[in-house]
Amino acid sequence: MGFLITSLIFLVVGIIASLCTRICFNRGPSANLFHLTLVITATVCCWMMWAIVYLAQLKPLINPILSEVE
């Protein structure tokens, strides 16, 4: 899968999780805002971790040095 498609999947999952949180944990305006903030933060952090790992494997900073002895 490409970077854009998986990023869109993270976006859709984040929106679905936000809606589920809004529906299932309706306990007042301040609690709803707190829950929504937690869901959005968790989604963004998971996406950033995935993106860093994906891009690090796509273009590594250190190239392996192959020895001719082996």
N, C-alpha and C. Protein backbone atom coordinates (compact mmCIF):
# COMPACT_ATOMS: atom_id res chain seq x y z
N MET A 1 0.83 -1.18 0.00
CA MET A 1 0.00 0.00 0.00
C MET A 1 0.87 1.24 0.00
N GLY A 2 0.38 2.26 -0.59
CA GLY A 2 1.13 3.49 -0.67
C GLY A 2 0.94 4.36 0.57
N PHE A 3 1.74 5.38 0.61
CA PHE A 3 1.70 6.30 1.74
C PHE A 3 0.36 7.02 1.84
N LEU A 4 -0.16 7.47 0.71
CA LEU A 4 -1.40 8.23 0.70
C LEU A 4 -2.60 7.38 1.09
N ILE A 5 -2.66 6.16 0.59
CA ILE A 5 -3.80 5.28 0.90
C ILE A 5 -3.83 4.94 2.38
N THR A 6 -2.68 4.61 2.95
CA THR A 6 -2.64 4.26 4.37
C THR A 6 -2.91 5.48 5.24
N SER A 7 -2.47 6.65 4.81
CA SER A 7 -2.78 7.87 5.55
C SER A 7 -4.29 8.13 5.55
N LEU A 8 -4.94 7.86 4.42
CA LEU A 8 -6.40 8.01 4.37
C LEU A 8 -7.10 6.99 5.26
N ILE A 9 -6.54 5.79 5.36
CA ILE A 9 -7.10 4.79 6.26
C ILE A 9 -7.01 5.26 7.70
N PHE A 10 -5.86 5.84 8.08
CA PHE A 10 -5.72 6.39 9.43
C PHE A 10 -6.74 7.50 9.67
N LEU A 11 -6.97 8.35 8.67
CA LEU A 11 -7.94 9.43 8.81
C LEU A 11 -9.35 8.88 9.02
N VAL A 12 -9.72 7.88 8.24
CA VAL A 12 -11.06 7.29 8.36
C VAL A 12 -11.23 6.61 9.72
N VAL A 13 -10.21 5.88 10.16
CA VAL A 13 -10.29 5.23 11.47
C VAL A 13 -10.39 6.27 12.58
N GLY A 14 -9.67 7.37 12.46
CA GLY A 14 -9.75 8.44 13.45
C GLY A 14 -11.13 9.07 13.50
N ILE A 15 -11.74 9.28 12.34
CA ILE A 15 -13.09 9.85 12.31
C ILE A 15 -14.10 8.88 12.91
N ILE A 16 -13.98 7.60 12.59
CA ILE A 16 -14.90 6.59 13.14
C ILE A 16 -14.73 6.49 14.66
N ALA A 17 -13.49 6.50 15.13
CA ALA A 17 -13.25 6.45 16.58
C ALA A 17 -13.79 7.69 17.28
N SER A 18 -13.66 8.85 16.64
CA SER A 18 -14.20 10.08 17.23
C SER A 18 -15.73 10.02 17.32
N LEU A 19 -16.37 9.51 16.26
CA LEU A 19 -17.83 9.40 16.30
C LEU A 19 -18.29 8.39 17.35
N CYS A 20 -17.59 7.26 17.45
CA CYS A 20 -17.95 6.26 18.46
C CYS A 20 -17.76 6.81 19.87
N THR A 21 -16.70 7.57 20.07
CA THR A 21 -16.46 8.18 21.37
C THR A 21 -17.56 9.19 21.70
N ARG A 22 -17.95 9.95 20.70
CA ARG A 22 -19.00 10.96 20.89
C ARG A 22 -20.34 10.30 21.22
N ILE A 23 -20.63 9.17 20.60
CA ILE A 23 -21.90 8.49 20.81
C ILE A 23 -21.90 7.70 22.12
N CYS A 24 -20.84 6.95 22.38
CA CYS A 24 -20.82 6.03 23.52
C CYS A 24 -20.50 6.71 24.85
N PHE A 25 -19.72 7.77 24.84
CA PHE A 25 -19.28 8.40 26.09
C PHE A 25 -19.76 9.84 26.17
N ASN A 26 -21.06 10.03 26.11
CA ASN A 26 -21.65 11.36 26.15
C ASN A 26 -21.89 11.74 27.61
N ARG A 27 -20.96 12.50 28.21
CA ARG A 27 -21.06 12.83 29.64
C ARG A 27 -20.92 14.32 29.92
N GLY A 28 -21.21 15.13 28.97
CA GLY A 28 -21.11 16.56 29.19
C GLY A 28 -20.11 17.19 28.24
N PRO A 29 -20.18 18.51 28.10
CA PRO A 29 -19.34 19.16 27.09
C PRO A 29 -17.84 19.08 27.39
N SER A 30 -17.43 19.24 28.64
CA SER A 30 -15.99 19.22 28.93
C SER A 30 -15.43 17.80 28.82
N ALA A 31 -16.17 16.80 29.25
CA ALA A 31 -15.70 15.42 29.14
C ALA A 31 -15.66 14.98 27.67
N ASN A 32 -16.65 15.41 26.90
CA ASN A 32 -16.66 15.07 25.47
C ASN A 32 -15.47 15.68 24.75
N LEU A 33 -15.14 16.92 25.07
CA LEU A 33 -13.99 17.57 24.46
C LEU A 33 -12.70 16.86 24.85
N PHE A 34 -12.60 16.44 26.10
CA PHE A 34 -11.42 15.72 26.57
C PHE A 34 -11.27 14.38 25.85
N HIS A 35 -12.36 13.63 25.73
CA HIS A 35 -12.32 12.34 25.04
C HIS A 35 -11.97 12.52 23.57
N LEU A 36 -12.54 13.52 22.94
CA LEU A 36 -12.25 13.78 21.53
C LEU A 36 -10.78 14.16 21.34
N THR A 37 -10.25 14.95 22.26
CA THR A 37 -8.83 15.33 22.20
C THR A 37 -7.94 14.11 22.34
N LEU A 38 -8.28 13.21 23.24
CA LEU A 38 -7.50 11.99 23.42
C LEU A 38 -7.52 11.11 22.16
N VAL A 39 -8.67 10.96 21.55
CA VAL A 39 -8.79 10.12 20.35
C VAL A 39 -8.01 10.73 19.19
N ILE A 40 -8.13 12.03 18.99
CA ILE A 40 -7.41 12.68 17.90
C ILE A 40 -5.90 12.61 18.14
N THR A 41 -5.47 12.85 19.38
CA THR A 41 -4.04 12.78 19.69
C THR A 41 -3.49 11.37 19.47
N ALA A 42 -4.23 10.36 19.89
CA ALA A 42 -3.79 8.98 19.70
C ALA A 42 -3.71 8.62 18.22
N THR A 43 -4.69 9.07 17.44
CA THR A 43 -4.68 8.79 16.01
C THR A 43 -3.50 9.46 15.32
N VAL A 44 -3.24 10.71 15.65
CA VAL A 44 -2.12 11.43 15.04
C VAL A 44 -0.79 10.81 15.44
N CYS A 45 -0.65 10.44 16.71
CA CYS A 45 0.60 9.82 17.17
C CYS A 45 0.85 8.47 16.51
N CYS A 46 -0.20 7.66 16.37
CA CYS A 46 -0.04 6.37 15.68
C CYS A 46 0.32 6.57 14.22
N TRP A 47 -0.33 7.55 13.56
CA TRP A 47 0.00 7.83 12.17
C TRP A 47 1.44 8.31 12.02
N MET A 48 1.87 9.19 12.92
CA MET A 48 3.25 9.69 12.83
C MET A 48 4.26 8.57 13.04
N MET A 49 3.99 7.67 13.98
CA MET A 49 4.90 6.55 14.20
C MET A 49 4.96 5.66 12.97
N TRP A 50 3.81 5.38 12.38
CA TRP A 50 3.79 4.56 11.17
C TRP A 50 4.53 5.27 10.03
N ALA A 51 4.29 6.57 9.86
CA ALA A 51 4.91 7.32 8.77
C ALA A 51 6.43 7.37 8.93
N ILE A 52 6.92 7.55 10.13
CA ILE A 52 8.36 7.58 10.37
C ILE A 52 8.99 6.24 10.03
N VAL A 53 8.38 5.16 10.46
CA VAL A 53 8.92 3.82 10.17
C VAL A 53 8.84 3.54 8.67
N TYR A 54 7.73 3.89 8.04
CA TYR A 54 7.56 3.65 6.60
C TYR A 54 8.60 4.43 5.80
N LEU A 55 8.76 5.69 6.10
CA LEU A 55 9.70 6.51 5.35
C LEU A 55 11.15 6.14 5.64
N ALA A 56 11.43 5.69 6.86
CA ALA A 56 12.79 5.26 7.18
C ALA A 56 13.17 4.01 6.39
N GLN A 57 12.22 3.13 6.14
CA GLN A 57 12.51 1.95 5.34
C GLN A 57 12.53 2.25 3.85
N LEU A 58 11.81 3.29 3.45
CA LEU A 58 11.76 3.66 2.04
C LEU A 58 13.09 4.26 1.59
N LYS A 59 13.67 5.11 2.39
CA LYS A 59 14.94 5.77 2.05
C LYS A 59 15.83 5.77 3.30
N PRO A 60 16.57 4.70 3.53
CA PRO A 60 17.39 4.63 4.74
C PRO A 60 18.54 5.64 4.70
N LEU A 61 18.91 6.15 5.87
CA LEU A 61 20.00 7.12 5.96
C LEU A 61 21.35 6.44 5.86
N ILE A 62 21.44 5.22 6.38
CA ILE A 62 22.72 4.50 6.39
C ILE A 62 22.62 3.33 5.43
N ASN A 63 23.52 3.27 4.47
CA ASN A 63 23.55 2.16 3.53
C ASN A 63 24.46 1.06 4.08
N PRO A 64 24.05 -0.17 3.95
CA PRO A 64 24.90 -1.26 4.44
C PRO A 64 26.18 -1.37 3.61
N ILE A 65 27.28 -1.69 4.27
CA ILE A 65 28.56 -1.86 3.59
C ILE A 65 28.79 -3.36 3.41
N LEU A 66 28.85 -3.78 2.17
CA LEU A 66 29.04 -5.20 1.88
C LEU A 66 30.53 -5.50 1.77
N SER A 67 30.96 -6.53 2.47
CA SER A 67 32.38 -6.92 2.37
C SER A 67 32.51 -7.98 1.28
N GLU A 68 33.63 -7.96 0.60
CA GLU A 68 33.85 -8.90 -0.51
C GLU A 68 34.44 -10.22 -0.02
N VAL A 69 34.74 -10.31 1.26
CA VAL A 69 35.36 -11.52 1.83
C VAL A 69 34.34 -12.67 1.87
N GLU A 70 33.13 -12.37 2.18
CA GLU A 70 32.13 -13.42 2.37
C GLU A 70 31.69 -14.04 1.10
